[in-house]
Amino acid sequence: MKWVGRMVAMVFGLGVLALIGALAVLIGRSDGVPPLPVFGGLLALVILILLAGACLALISLAVSARRALRLLEQGAPEAVPMDEAEPAPMQGPPFSPYGLAEVAAPRPARPGRVLVAER
């Protein structure tokens, strides 16, 4: 997969160089700066960036899928299907009746600091 990513990067680089070259030739042959070819070149550059990003995203997904498949093939000998597994018991209540101010430990005062306001 590394060579595919390098190939995508190479095609992207060649595409950017070709677009810049085409824009330079179009602008050099005209009297002023033609807005339509410049806009078309910028639009093509944006499309090229999006396509390269999509290709790299697909490569990343393929690498992740291959890694996940390899881990599944290795298997975990102590794995238990979810239907047969018992839920773990809860450790204490889900919500605390105390506020954050009551739970937070008081910080020691720094020397040279003065309390400006109190809640």
Protein backbone atom coordinates (compact mmCIF):
# COMPACT_ATOMS: atom_id res chain seq x y z
CA MET A 1 0.00 0.00 0.00
CA LYS A 2 2.94 2.33 0.46
CA TRP A 3 3.69 2.33 -3.24
CA VAL A 4 0.06 3.20 -4.03
CA GLY A 5 0.26 6.19 -1.68
CA ARG A 6 3.51 7.28 -3.29
CA MET A 7 1.96 6.92 -6.72
CA VAL A 8 -1.02 9.06 -5.68
CA ALA A 9 1.38 11.69 -4.35
CA MET A 10 3.39 11.58 -7.59
CA VAL A 11 0.30 11.94 -9.79
CA PHE A 12 -0.91 14.78 -7.57
CA GLY A 13 2.44 16.57 -7.86
CA LEU A 14 2.52 16.13 -11.65
CA GLY A 15 -1.05 17.39 -11.89
CA VAL A 16 -0.25 20.49 -9.86
CA LEU A 17 2.84 21.19 -11.99
CA ALA A 18 0.82 20.70 -15.20
CA LEU A 19 -1.91 23.06 -13.98
CA ILE A 20 0.60 25.71 -12.98
CA GLY A 21 2.36 25.33 -16.34
CA ALA A 22 -0.91 25.59 -18.28
CA LEU A 23 -1.92 28.71 -16.33
CA ALA A 24 1.50 30.28 -16.90
CA VAL A 25 1.27 29.65 -20.65
CA LEU A 26 -2.29 31.04 -20.84
CA ILE A 27 -1.42 34.14 -18.86
CA GLY A 28 1.83 34.65 -20.80
CA ARG A 29 0.09 34.54 -24.18
CA SER A 30 -2.65 36.99 -23.23
CA ASP A 31 -2.40 40.76 -22.89
CA GLY A 32 -3.81 40.88 -19.39
CA VAL A 33 -4.83 38.33 -16.79
CA PRO A 34 -7.77 36.36 -18.22
CA PRO A 35 -10.17 35.56 -15.39
CA LEU A 36 -11.76 32.41 -16.86
CA PRO A 37 -8.56 30.34 -17.33
CA VAL A 38 -7.30 31.40 -13.91
CA PHE A 39 -10.61 30.45 -12.33
CA GLY A 40 -10.64 27.17 -14.26
CA GLY A 41 -7.10 26.39 -13.15
CA LEU A 42 -7.89 27.11 -9.52
CA LEU A 43 -11.06 24.99 -9.77
CA ALA A 44 -9.07 22.14 -11.33
CA LEU A 45 -6.48 22.45 -8.55
CA VAL A 46 -9.20 22.20 -5.89
CA ILE A 47 -10.70 19.17 -7.62
CA LEU A 48 -7.25 17.58 -7.85
CA ILE A 49 -6.67 18.15 -4.12
CA LEU A 50 -10.05 16.63 -3.27
CA LEU A 51 -9.43 13.59 -5.47
CA ALA A 52 -5.99 13.03 -3.97
CA GLY A 53 -7.49 13.30 -0.48
CA ALA A 54 -10.20 10.80 -1.38
CA CYS A 55 -7.61 8.36 -2.77
CA LEU A 56 -5.48 8.63 0.35
CA ALA A 57 -8.56 8.15 2.54
CA LEU A 58 -9.46 4.98 0.64
CA ILE A 59 -5.89 3.72 1.00
CA SER A 60 -6.06 4.41 4.74
CA LEU A 61 -9.35 2.51 5.01
CA ALA A 62 -7.88 -0.43 3.12
CA VAL A 63 -4.84 -0.55 5.41
CA SER A 64 -7.08 -0.37 8.50
CA ALA A 65 -9.34 -3.11 7.14
CA ARG A 66 -6.35 -5.34 6.42
CA ARG A 67 -4.98 -4.77 9.92
CA ALA A 68 -8.39 -5.53 11.49
CA LEU A 69 -8.76 -8.67 9.40
CA ARG A 70 -5.32 -9.84 10.46
CA LEU A 71 -6.26 -9.33 14.12
CA LEU A 72 -9.54 -11.18 13.64
CA GLU A 73 -7.77 -14.08 11.94
CA GLN A 74 -5.35 -14.37 14.86
CA GLY A 75 -8.33 -14.50 17.19
CA ALA A 76 -8.50 -14.21 20.93
CA PRO A 77 -8.72 -17.62 22.63
CA GLU A 78 -10.56 -16.26 25.66
CA ALA A 79 -13.09 -14.28 23.59
CA VAL A 80 -16.71 -14.86 24.57
CA PRO A 81 -19.66 -14.01 22.30
CA MET A 82 -21.63 -11.00 23.50
CA ASP A 83 -24.81 -13.06 23.99
CA GLU A 84 -23.13 -15.30 26.55
CA ALA A 85 -21.11 -12.61 28.32
CA GLU A 86 -22.40 -11.31 31.63
CA PRO A 87 -22.37 -7.56 32.17
CA ALA A 88 -19.83 -6.27 34.68
CA PRO A 89 -21.30 -5.11 38.01
CA MET A 90 -21.42 -1.36 38.56
CA GLN A 91 -18.95 0.20 40.96
CA GLY A 92 -21.07 2.63 42.95
CA PRO A 93 -23.97 4.89 41.97
CA PRO A 94 -24.03 6.31 38.43
CA PHE A 95 -24.66 9.87 39.67
CA SER A 96 -23.30 11.58 42.72
CA PRO A 97 -25.62 13.71 44.89
CA TYR A 98 -22.72 16.03 45.73
CA GLY A 99 -21.81 19.15 43.82
CA LEU A 100 -18.39 19.75 42.35
CA ALA A 101 -17.54 22.34 45.00
CA GLU A 102 -18.09 19.78 47.77
CA VAL A 103 -16.06 17.09 46.01
CA ALA A 104 -13.12 19.26 44.91
CA ALA A 105 -10.25 19.45 47.34
CA PRO A 106 -9.38 22.96 48.53
CA ARG A 107 -6.18 24.30 47.03
CA PRO A 108 -3.58 25.76 49.34
CA ALA A 109 -3.11 29.51 49.08
CA ARG A 110 0.05 30.64 47.33
CA PRO A 111 2.26 33.09 49.17
CA GLY A 112 1.85 36.62 47.91
CA ARG A 113 -1.64 36.00 46.51
CA VAL A 114 -4.73 37.74 47.87
CA LEU A 115 -8.28 36.43 47.65
CA VAL A 116 -10.22 38.89 45.51
CA ALA A 117 -13.70 37.40 45.52
CA GLU A 118 -15.50 34.45 47.03
CA ARG A 119 -18.42 32.57 45.54
